[in-house]
Amino acid sequence: MTTSRQKAVGSAAERAVAYALDGRRVGMDYGPVDVIVDGYMDVQVKTVKALPSLAAVIGYLEAIPKRDRLRSCVVVTRPGVGRKAVRTITFDLDEFAQWHGFAGVMETPQ
């Protein structure tokens, strides 16, 4: 796949994620952030042939600067002909819990 084709596939994935989350795509000025859901979430979108390791996904999350929005990473697979893309979203559990009512997460359940 040529570089321009790869960029087109990535841009299409970003548009689909923005639509699904009711957000907006942002330009290069926002660094690793590809989609912003105003007042709520910063999203980095990665389009890949195979799902990355958990360590890689954590790296994507940590690359997003901490702001007043929830950080997330969406990984989109590039399917072959006749197959559907797999789209996953990942959050840091402590950050997600702060946004959704519980101030902390216990290290071990009791």
Protein backbone atom coordinates (compact mmCIF):
# COMPACT_ATOMS: atom_id res chain seq x y z
CA MET A 1 0.00 0.00 0.00
CA THR A 2 1.41 3.40 -0.89
CA THR A 3 1.83 6.15 1.67
CA SER A 4 -1.03 8.22 0.26
CA ARG A 5 -3.29 5.15 0.35
CA GLN A 6 -2.33 4.45 3.96
CA LYS A 7 -3.11 8.04 4.89
CA ALA A 8 -6.49 7.83 3.13
CA VAL A 9 -7.36 4.63 5.03
CA GLY A 10 -6.33 6.24 8.33
CA SER A 11 -8.33 9.40 7.58
CA ALA A 12 -11.41 7.34 6.73
CA ALA A 13 -11.07 5.48 10.03
CA GLU A 14 -10.78 8.79 11.91
CA ARG A 15 -13.94 10.09 10.21
CA ALA A 16 -15.82 6.89 11.12
CA VAL A 17 -14.68 7.10 14.75
CA ALA A 18 -15.62 10.80 14.97
CA TYR A 19 -19.07 9.98 13.60
CA ALA A 20 -19.57 7.01 15.95
CA LEU A 21 -18.60 9.07 19.03
CA ASP A 22 -20.33 12.27 17.91
CA GLY A 23 -16.96 14.02 17.90
CA ARG A 24 -14.89 15.94 15.38
CA ARG A 25 -11.64 15.22 13.61
CA VAL A 26 -8.82 17.61 14.40
CA GLY A 27 -5.72 18.52 12.44
CA MET A 28 -2.04 18.04 13.12
CA ASP A 29 -2.01 20.92 15.66
CA TYR A 30 -3.48 18.59 18.29
CA GLY A 31 -0.50 16.20 18.31
CA PRO A 32 -1.48 12.58 18.91
CA VAL A 33 -5.18 13.48 19.29
CA ASP A 34 -7.17 12.62 16.15
CA VAL A 35 -10.75 13.08 17.39
CA ILE A 36 -12.19 15.30 20.12
CA VAL A 37 -15.57 14.79 21.73
CA ASP A 38 -16.07 18.30 23.11
CA GLY A 39 -15.99 18.52 26.89
CA TYR A 40 -15.50 14.78 27.29
CA MET A 41 -12.85 12.82 25.40
CA ASP A 42 -9.58 12.99 23.42
CA VAL A 43 -9.15 10.04 21.04
CA GLN A 44 -6.10 8.72 19.26
CA VAL A 45 -7.05 6.50 16.29
CA LYS A 46 -4.71 3.77 15.05
CA THR A 47 -5.43 1.81 11.88
CA VAL A 48 -3.56 -1.52 11.82
CA LYS A 49 -3.43 -4.83 9.97
CA ALA A 50 -3.32 -6.82 13.22
CA LEU A 51 -4.31 -5.86 16.75
CA PRO A 52 -1.32 -4.39 18.65
CA SER A 53 -0.02 -5.53 22.02
CA LEU A 54 -1.46 -4.11 25.21
CA ALA A 55 1.87 -2.38 25.85
CA ALA A 56 1.55 -0.57 22.50
CA VAL A 57 -2.01 0.53 23.29
CA ILE A 58 -0.91 1.83 26.71
CA GLY A 59 1.83 3.76 24.91
CA TYR A 60 -0.77 5.32 22.60
CA LEU A 61 -2.84 6.38 25.64
CA GLU A 62 0.16 7.82 27.48
CA ALA A 63 1.14 9.85 24.40
CA ILE A 64 -2.07 11.89 24.77
CA PRO A 65 -1.47 14.89 27.06
CA LYS A 66 -3.54 14.95 30.24
CA ARG A 67 -6.17 17.66 29.94
CA ASP A 68 -9.68 18.13 31.26
CA ARG A 69 -10.93 15.33 29.00
CA LEU A 70 -10.87 11.54 29.20
CA ARG A 71 -8.01 10.01 27.15
CA SER A 72 -8.81 7.06 24.89
CA CYS A 73 -7.37 5.03 22.05
CA VAL A 74 -9.37 3.46 19.23
CA VAL A 75 -7.71 0.67 17.26
CA VAL A 76 -9.25 -0.15 13.88
CA THR A 77 -8.18 -3.22 11.90
CA ARG A 78 -7.90 -3.06 8.13
CA PRO A 79 -9.96 -6.06 7.02
CA GLY A 80 -9.50 -7.98 3.82
CA VAL A 81 -12.05 -8.02 1.03
CA GLY A 82 -15.52 -8.95 2.26
CA ARG A 83 -14.61 -8.68 5.95
CA LYS A 84 -15.69 -6.12 8.52
CA ALA A 85 -13.21 -3.96 10.44
CA VAL A 86 -12.84 -4.59 14.17
CA ARG A 87 -12.94 -1.35 16.20
CA THR A 88 -11.97 -1.32 19.88
CA ILE A 89 -11.74 1.55 22.35
CA THR A 90 -9.47 1.56 25.40
CA PHE A 91 -9.43 3.81 28.48
CA ASP A 92 -7.34 3.94 31.63
CA LEU A 93 -9.71 2.53 34.28
CA ASP A 94 -8.83 5.13 36.93
CA GLU A 95 -9.47 8.01 34.49
CA PHE A 96 -12.73 6.41 33.32
CA ALA A 97 -13.89 5.92 36.93
CA GLN A 98 -13.17 9.57 37.75
CA TRP A 99 -15.37 10.64 34.84
CA HIS A 100 -18.19 8.27 35.65
CA GLY A 101 -18.81 8.69 39.34
CA PHE A 102 -16.32 6.62 41.29
CA ALA A 103 -13.27 8.57 42.46
CA GLY A 104 -10.86 5.62 42.67
CA VAL A 105 -10.43 2.01 41.79
CA MET A 106 -9.47 -0.54 44.43
CA GLU A 107 -6.23 -2.40 43.76
CA THR A 108 -7.88 -5.72 44.62
CA PRO A 109 -11.58 -6.46 45.02
CA GLN A 110 -12.74 -7.19 48.56
